[in-house]
Amino acid sequence: MSNLPPLTTKTIWAILNDTIDDATVNQLVWYYLGYRYDSSSEKWNNSEVAQEWREEYPQPPNFIDSRPATIKLTRSIPTENKQLLKEKLGFQGYKIGEFGPRQTRRATAANWLLSYLQQNINYLN
């Protein structure tokens, strides 16, 4: 996970535009949730992960494949940040017929990451 792209609006757009692969999207969310992979022990360290995530997901979930994990991710976005993709990036959503669960889950990951930027880095103010 050391080769992750920087967490910027350019990276968020790359997620939305499907120019970053699903594995990298997952790894970005895992990283900012606090999951760290220890290559020497070949195990995940979740000591930095919030308790509500660590209890339900001791190992990082695949947000692209798991509807329950994505629902939890959506619910963890503060109400005031739910529309950040539209408000800060001008993202209008996907056109009907051009998206499915995968794109919706990628958009959720993008919104969560953008919310993380807003809350922790104060990047968007």
N, C-alpha and C. Protein backbone atom coordinates (compact mmCIF):
# COMPACT_ATOMS: atom_id res chain seq x y z
N MET A 1 0.81 -1.19 0.00
CA MET A 1 0.00 0.00 0.00
C MET A 1 0.86 1.26 0.00
N SER A 2 2.14 1.12 -0.16
CA SER A 2 3.01 2.28 -0.13
C SER A 2 2.96 3.07 -1.44
N ASN A 3 2.39 2.51 -2.48
CA ASN A 3 2.32 3.19 -3.77
C ASN A 3 0.96 3.82 -4.03
N LEU A 4 0.28 4.22 -2.98
CA LEU A 4 -1.04 4.82 -3.14
C LEU A 4 -0.91 6.23 -3.72
N PRO A 5 -1.86 6.61 -4.56
CA PRO A 5 -1.85 7.99 -5.04
C PRO A 5 -2.15 8.94 -3.88
N PRO A 6 -1.73 10.19 -4.00
CA PRO A 6 -2.03 11.15 -2.92
C PRO A 6 -3.53 11.39 -2.84
N LEU A 7 -3.98 11.69 -1.64
CA LEU A 7 -5.41 11.97 -1.46
C LEU A 7 -5.67 13.43 -1.83
N THR A 8 -6.08 13.62 -3.07
CA THR A 8 -6.37 14.95 -3.61
C THR A 8 -7.67 14.86 -4.39
N THR A 9 -8.20 16.01 -4.80
CA THR A 9 -9.41 16.00 -5.61
C THR A 9 -9.14 15.34 -6.96
N LYS A 10 -7.92 15.42 -7.44
CA LYS A 10 -7.56 14.73 -8.70
C LYS A 10 -7.74 13.22 -8.53
N THR A 11 -7.33 12.70 -7.40
CA THR A 11 -7.50 11.26 -7.12
C THR A 11 -8.98 10.91 -6.99
N ILE A 12 -9.75 11.78 -6.34
CA ILE A 12 -11.20 11.55 -6.21
C ILE A 12 -11.83 11.48 -7.60
N TRP A 13 -11.47 12.40 -8.48
CA TRP A 13 -11.99 12.37 -9.85
C TRP A 13 -11.58 11.10 -10.58
N ALA A 14 -10.36 10.64 -10.34
CA ALA A 14 -9.89 9.40 -10.98
C ALA A 14 -10.72 8.21 -10.52
N ILE A 15 -11.14 8.22 -9.27
CA ILE A 15 -12.03 7.16 -8.77
C ILE A 15 -13.37 7.23 -9.50
N LEU A 16 -13.94 8.43 -9.56
CA LEU A 16 -15.24 8.61 -10.21
C LEU A 16 -15.20 8.29 -11.69
N ASN A 17 -14.09 8.63 -12.33
CA ASN A 17 -13.94 8.40 -13.78
C ASN A 17 -13.41 7.01 -14.11
N ASP A 18 -13.22 6.18 -13.09
CA ASP A 18 -12.79 4.80 -13.27
C ASP A 18 -11.41 4.69 -13.91
N THR A 19 -10.52 5.61 -13.57
CA THR A 19 -9.15 5.52 -14.08
C THR A 19 -8.18 5.00 -13.02
N ILE A 20 -8.70 4.75 -11.82
CA ILE A 20 -7.96 4.07 -10.76
C ILE A 20 -8.66 2.74 -10.54
N ASP A 21 -7.89 1.67 -10.45
CA ASP A 21 -8.50 0.34 -10.31
C ASP A 21 -9.16 0.15 -8.95
N ASP A 22 -10.05 -0.82 -8.89
CA ASP A 22 -10.82 -1.10 -7.67
C ASP A 22 -9.92 -1.42 -6.48
N ALA A 23 -8.84 -2.16 -6.71
CA ALA A 23 -7.94 -2.52 -5.62
C ALA A 23 -7.35 -1.27 -4.97
N THR A 24 -6.98 -0.30 -5.78
CA THR A 24 -6.41 0.95 -5.25
C THR A 24 -7.46 1.75 -4.50
N VAL A 25 -8.69 1.76 -5.01
CA VAL A 25 -9.78 2.44 -4.32
C VAL A 25 -9.94 1.84 -2.92
N ASN A 26 -10.01 0.51 -2.86
CA ASN A 26 -10.11 -0.16 -1.56
C ASN A 26 -8.94 0.21 -0.66
N GLN A 27 -7.73 0.15 -1.20
CA GLN A 27 -6.54 0.41 -0.39
C GLN A 27 -6.52 1.84 0.15
N LEU A 28 -7.01 2.79 -0.64
CA LEU A 28 -7.10 4.17 -0.15
C LEU A 28 -8.04 4.27 1.05
N VAL A 29 -9.21 3.67 0.91
CA VAL A 29 -10.17 3.72 2.02
C VAL A 29 -9.60 2.99 3.23
N TRP A 30 -9.02 1.82 3.02
CA TRP A 30 -8.43 1.08 4.14
C TRP A 30 -7.39 1.93 4.86
N TYR A 31 -6.52 2.56 4.08
CA TYR A 31 -5.45 3.36 4.67
C TYR A 31 -6.01 4.47 5.55
N TYR A 32 -7.00 5.20 5.03
CA TYR A 32 -7.54 6.32 5.79
C TYR A 32 -8.48 5.88 6.91
N LEU A 33 -8.96 4.65 6.86
CA LEU A 33 -9.68 4.08 8.00
C LEU A 33 -8.71 3.65 9.10
N GLY A 34 -7.44 3.44 8.74
CA GLY A 34 -6.42 3.07 9.71
C GLY A 34 -5.85 1.68 9.58
N TYR A 35 -6.30 0.90 8.60
CA TYR A 35 -5.76 -0.44 8.40
C TYR A 35 -4.33 -0.34 7.84
N ARG A 36 -3.44 -1.17 8.38
CA ARG A 36 -2.06 -1.23 7.89
C ARG A 36 -1.68 -2.69 7.70
N TYR A 37 -1.05 -2.99 6.59
CA TYR A 37 -0.62 -4.36 6.34
C TYR A 37 0.83 -4.50 6.76
N ASP A 38 1.10 -5.50 7.58
CA ASP A 38 2.45 -5.79 8.04
C ASP A 38 3.00 -6.91 7.17
N SER A 39 3.87 -6.56 6.25
CA SER A 39 4.38 -7.56 5.31
C SER A 39 5.27 -8.59 5.99
N SER A 40 5.90 -8.24 7.10
CA SER A 40 6.75 -9.22 7.78
C SER A 40 5.93 -10.33 8.43
N SER A 41 4.78 -9.97 9.00
CA SER A 41 3.93 -11.00 9.62
C SER A 41 2.84 -11.48 8.66
N GLU A 42 2.70 -10.77 7.54
CA GLU A 42 1.67 -11.06 6.54
C GLU A 42 0.26 -11.02 7.15
N LYS A 43 0.07 -10.04 8.04
CA LYS A 43 -1.22 -9.85 8.70
C LYS A 43 -1.58 -8.37 8.71
N TRP A 44 -2.88 -8.12 8.86
CA TRP A 44 -3.36 -6.75 8.96
C TRP A 44 -3.27 -6.28 10.40
N ASN A 45 -2.82 -5.06 10.58
CA ASN A 45 -2.80 -4.41 11.88
C ASN A 45 -3.96 -3.42 11.86
N ASN A 46 -4.88 -3.60 12.80
CA ASN A 46 -6.03 -2.71 12.84
C ASN A 46 -6.06 -1.85 14.11
N SER A 47 -4.91 -1.70 14.75
CA SER A 47 -4.87 -0.95 16.01
C SER A 47 -5.22 0.53 15.83
N GLU A 48 -5.09 1.07 14.63
CA GLU A 48 -5.41 2.47 14.36
C GLU A 48 -6.85 2.65 13.85
N VAL A 49 -7.56 1.54 13.68
CA VAL A 49 -8.92 1.57 13.13
C VAL A 49 -9.91 1.87 14.26
N ALA A 50 -10.89 2.71 13.98
CA ALA A 50 -11.92 3.02 14.98
C ALA A 50 -12.60 1.73 15.43
N GLN A 51 -12.96 1.70 16.69
CA GLN A 51 -13.53 0.49 17.29
C GLN A 51 -14.75 -0.03 16.52
N GLU A 52 -15.64 0.87 16.08
CA GLU A 52 -16.85 0.41 15.38
C GLU A 52 -16.52 -0.29 14.07
N TRP A 53 -15.39 0.03 13.47
CA TRP A 53 -14.95 -0.68 12.26
C TRP A 53 -14.20 -1.95 12.63
N ARG A 54 -13.32 -1.83 13.60
CA ARG A 54 -12.47 -2.95 14.00
C ARG A 54 -13.30 -4.13 14.48
N GLU A 55 -14.38 -3.87 15.22
CA GLU A 55 -15.21 -4.95 15.73
C GLU A 55 -15.91 -5.70 14.60
N GLU A 56 -16.47 -4.96 13.67
CA GLU A 56 -17.22 -5.58 12.57
C GLU A 56 -16.31 -6.10 11.46
N TYR A 57 -15.21 -5.39 11.24
CA TYR A 57 -14.27 -5.75 10.15
C TYR A 57 -12.85 -5.76 10.70
N PRO A 58 -12.45 -6.86 11.37
CA PRO A 58 -11.09 -6.93 11.90
C PRO A 58 -10.05 -6.88 10.77
N GLN A 59 -10.44 -7.35 9.60
CA GLN A 59 -9.63 -7.20 8.40
C GLN A 59 -10.40 -6.30 7.45
N PRO A 60 -9.69 -5.53 6.63
CA PRO A 60 -10.40 -4.55 5.79
C PRO A 60 -11.34 -5.23 4.79
N PRO A 61 -12.55 -4.70 4.66
CA PRO A 61 -13.52 -5.27 3.72
C PRO A 61 -13.28 -4.78 2.30
N ASN A 62 -13.79 -5.53 1.35
CA ASN A 62 -13.75 -5.09 -0.04
C ASN A 62 -14.98 -4.23 -0.28
N PHE A 63 -14.79 -2.93 -0.32
CA PHE A 63 -15.92 -2.01 -0.45
C PHE A 63 -16.59 -2.08 -1.82
N ILE A 64 -15.89 -2.52 -2.82
CA ILE A 64 -16.47 -2.61 -4.16
C ILE A 64 -17.39 -3.82 -4.27
N ASP A 65 -17.06 -4.89 -3.54
CA ASP A 65 -17.85 -6.12 -3.61
C ASP A 65 -18.87 -6.28 -2.49
N SER A 66 -18.71 -5.54 -1.40
CA SER A 66 -19.54 -5.76 -0.22
C SER A 66 -20.54 -4.63 0.00
N ARG A 67 -21.79 -4.94 -0.25
CA ARG A 67 -22.84 -3.94 -0.01
C ARG A 67 -22.91 -3.55 1.47
N PRO A 68 -22.88 -4.51 2.43
CA PRO A 68 -22.94 -4.11 3.84
C PRO A 68 -21.79 -3.18 4.25
N ALA A 69 -20.59 -3.45 3.78
CA ALA A 69 -19.45 -2.59 4.12
C ALA A 69 -19.63 -1.20 3.53
N THR A 70 -20.17 -1.12 2.32
CA THR A 70 -20.39 0.17 1.68
C THR A 70 -21.49 0.95 2.39
N ILE A 71 -22.52 0.25 2.85
CA ILE A 71 -23.58 0.91 3.61
C ILE A 71 -22.99 1.51 4.90
N LYS A 72 -22.14 0.74 5.58
CA LYS A 72 -21.49 1.25 6.79
C LYS A 72 -20.63 2.46 6.46
N LEU A 73 -19.93 2.42 5.33
CA LEU A 73 -19.10 3.54 4.91
C LEU A 73 -19.97 4.78 4.66
N THR A 74 -21.09 4.59 3.98
CA THR A 74 -22.03 5.69 3.72
C THR A 74 -22.52 6.29 5.03
N ARG A 75 -22.91 5.45 5.96
CA ARG A 75 -23.44 5.92 7.23
C ARG A 75 -22.39 6.64 8.08
N SER A 76 -21.12 6.35 7.82
CA SER A 76 -20.05 6.99 8.59
C SER A 76 -19.70 8.38 8.07
N ILE A 77 -20.26 8.78 6.93
CA ILE A 77 -20.03 10.12 6.40
C ILE A 77 -20.95 11.08 7.16
N PRO A 78 -20.38 12.12 7.77
CA PRO A 78 -21.24 13.07 8.48
C PRO A 78 -22.29 13.68 7.54
N THR A 79 -23.46 13.95 8.08
CA THR A 79 -24.57 14.46 7.28
C THR A 79 -24.17 15.67 6.46
N GLU A 80 -23.42 16.59 7.06
CA GLU A 80 -23.03 17.80 6.35
C GLU A 80 -22.07 17.55 5.19
N ASN A 81 -21.51 16.33 5.11
CA ASN A 81 -20.57 15.99 4.03
C ASN A 81 -21.16 15.03 2.99
N LYS A 82 -22.42 14.68 3.13
CA LYS A 82 -23.03 13.70 2.22
C LYS A 82 -23.06 14.17 0.77
N GLN A 83 -23.12 15.47 0.54
CA GLN A 83 -23.22 16.01 -0.82
C GLN A 83 -21.93 16.66 -1.31
N LEU A 84 -20.81 16.32 -0.69
CA LEU A 84 -19.54 16.97 -1.07
C LEU A 84 -19.16 16.77 -2.52
N LEU A 85 -19.44 15.60 -3.07
CA LEU A 85 -19.08 15.37 -4.48
C LEU A 85 -19.74 16.41 -5.37
N LYS A 86 -20.99 16.69 -5.09
CA LYS A 86 -21.73 17.68 -5.88
C LYS A 86 -21.31 19.10 -5.51
N GLU A 87 -21.26 19.37 -4.20
CA GLU A 87 -21.00 20.73 -3.74
C GLU A 87 -19.59 21.21 -4.01
N LYS A 88 -18.59 20.36 -3.79
CA LYS A 88 -17.19 20.80 -3.92
C LYS A 88 -16.58 20.47 -5.28
N LEU A 89 -17.03 19.36 -5.88
CA LEU A 89 -16.44 18.96 -7.17
C LEU A 89 -17.36 19.19 -8.35
N GLY A 90 -18.62 19.44 -8.09
CA GLY A 90 -19.57 19.62 -9.19
C GLY A 90 -19.95 18.31 -9.87
N PHE A 91 -19.72 17.18 -9.18
CA PHE A 91 -20.07 15.87 -9.75
C PHE A 91 -21.58 15.74 -9.80
N GLN A 92 -22.10 15.49 -10.99
CA GLN A 92 -23.54 15.42 -11.19
C GLN A 92 -24.08 13.99 -11.11
N GLY A 93 -23.22 13.04 -10.85
CA GLY A 93 -23.66 11.65 -10.79
C GLY A 93 -23.49 10.98 -12.14
N TYR A 94 -23.84 9.73 -12.18
CA TYR A 94 -23.74 8.95 -13.42
C TYR A 94 -25.06 9.01 -14.16
N LYS A 95 -25.00 8.86 -15.46
CA LYS A 95 -26.22 8.85 -16.27
C LYS A 95 -26.93 7.51 -16.12
N ILE A 96 -28.25 7.55 -16.15
CA ILE A 96 -29.05 6.33 -16.05
C ILE A 96 -28.64 5.39 -17.18
N GLY A 97 -28.44 4.13 -16.83
CA GLY A 97 -28.03 3.13 -17.80
C GLY A 97 -26.53 3.00 -17.93
N GLU A 98 -25.77 3.93 -17.33
CA GLU A 98 -24.32 3.89 -17.43
C GLU A 98 -23.65 3.52 -16.11
N PHE A 99 -24.45 3.12 -15.13
CA PHE A 99 -23.85 2.77 -13.85
C PHE A 99 -24.56 1.57 -13.25
N GLY A 100 -23.86 0.93 -12.36
CA GLY A 100 -24.39 -0.21 -11.63
C GLY A 100 -23.86 -0.16 -10.21
N PRO A 101 -24.00 -1.25 -9.47
CA PRO A 101 -23.53 -1.27 -8.08
C PRO A 101 -22.05 -0.90 -7.94
N ARG A 102 -21.22 -1.35 -8.86
CA ARG A 102 -19.79 -1.07 -8.78
C ARG A 102 -19.52 0.43 -8.81
N GLN A 103 -20.13 1.14 -9.75
CA GLN A 103 -19.91 2.58 -9.86
C GLN A 103 -20.48 3.30 -8.63
N THR A 104 -21.62 2.85 -8.16
CA THR A 104 -22.22 3.45 -6.97
C THR A 104 -21.30 3.28 -5.77
N ARG A 105 -20.71 2.12 -5.62
CA ARG A 105 -19.81 1.86 -4.49
C ARG A 105 -18.52 2.65 -4.62
N ARG A 106 -18.04 2.82 -5.86
CA ARG A 106 -16.85 3.66 -6.08
C ARG A 106 -17.18 5.12 -5.72
N ALA A 107 -18.37 5.58 -6.08
CA ALA A 107 -18.76 6.95 -5.74
C ALA A 107 -18.87 7.12 -4.22
N THR A 108 -19.36 6.09 -3.54
CA THR A 108 -19.43 6.14 -2.08
C THR A 108 -18.02 6.25 -1.49
N ALA A 109 -17.10 5.44 -2.01
CA ALA A 109 -15.71 5.51 -1.55
C ALA A 109 -15.13 6.89 -1.82
N ALA A 110 -15.40 7.44 -3.00
CA ALA A 110 -14.91 8.78 -3.35
C ALA A 110 -15.48 9.82 -2.39
N ASN A 111 -16.76 9.73 -2.09
CA ASN A 111 -17.38 10.69 -1.18
C ASN A 111 -16.82 10.55 0.23
N TRP A 112 -16.60 9.32 0.68
CA TRP A 112 -16.02 9.12 2.00
C TRP A 112 -14.62 9.73 2.06
N LEU A 113 -13.82 9.49 1.03
CA LEU A 113 -12.46 10.04 1.00
C LEU A 113 -12.49 11.57 0.95
N LEU A 114 -13.42 12.13 0.19
CA LEU A 114 -13.55 13.58 0.13
C LEU A 114 -13.97 14.13 1.50
N SER A 115 -14.85 13.43 2.17
CA SER A 115 -15.26 13.81 3.52
C SER A 115 -14.06 13.75 4.47
N TYR A 116 -13.24 12.71 4.31
CA TYR A 116 -12.02 12.60 5.12
C TYR A 116 -11.13 13.82 4.90
N LEU A 117 -10.96 14.21 3.65
CA LEU A 117 -10.17 15.40 3.33
C LEU A 117 -10.75 16.62 4.04
N GLN A 118 -12.04 16.78 3.96
CA GLN A 118 -12.74 17.93 4.56
C GLN A 118 -12.53 17.96 6.07
N GLN A 119 -12.68 16.82 6.71
CA GLN A 119 -12.62 16.75 8.17
C GLN A 119 -11.20 16.78 8.72
N ASN A 120 -10.29 16.09 8.09
CA ASN A 120 -8.98 15.86 8.69
C ASN A 120 -7.86 16.73 8.14
N ILE A 121 -8.04 17.17 6.93
CA ILE A 121 -6.97 17.93 6.30
C ILE A 121 -7.44 19.37 6.04
N ASN A 122 -8.75 19.59 6.19
CA ASN A 122 -9.35 20.90 5.96
C ASN A 122 -8.97 21.42 4.57
N TYR A 123 -8.88 20.50 3.67
CA TYR A 123 -8.40 20.74 2.31
C TYR A 123 -9.38 21.56 1.47
N LEU A 124 -10.66 21.42 1.74
CA LEU A 124 -11.67 21.96 0.85
C LEU A 124 -12.21 23.33 1.28
N ASN A 125 -11.77 23.84 2.40
CA ASN A 125 -12.30 25.13 2.87
C ASN A 125 -11.57 26.30 2.24
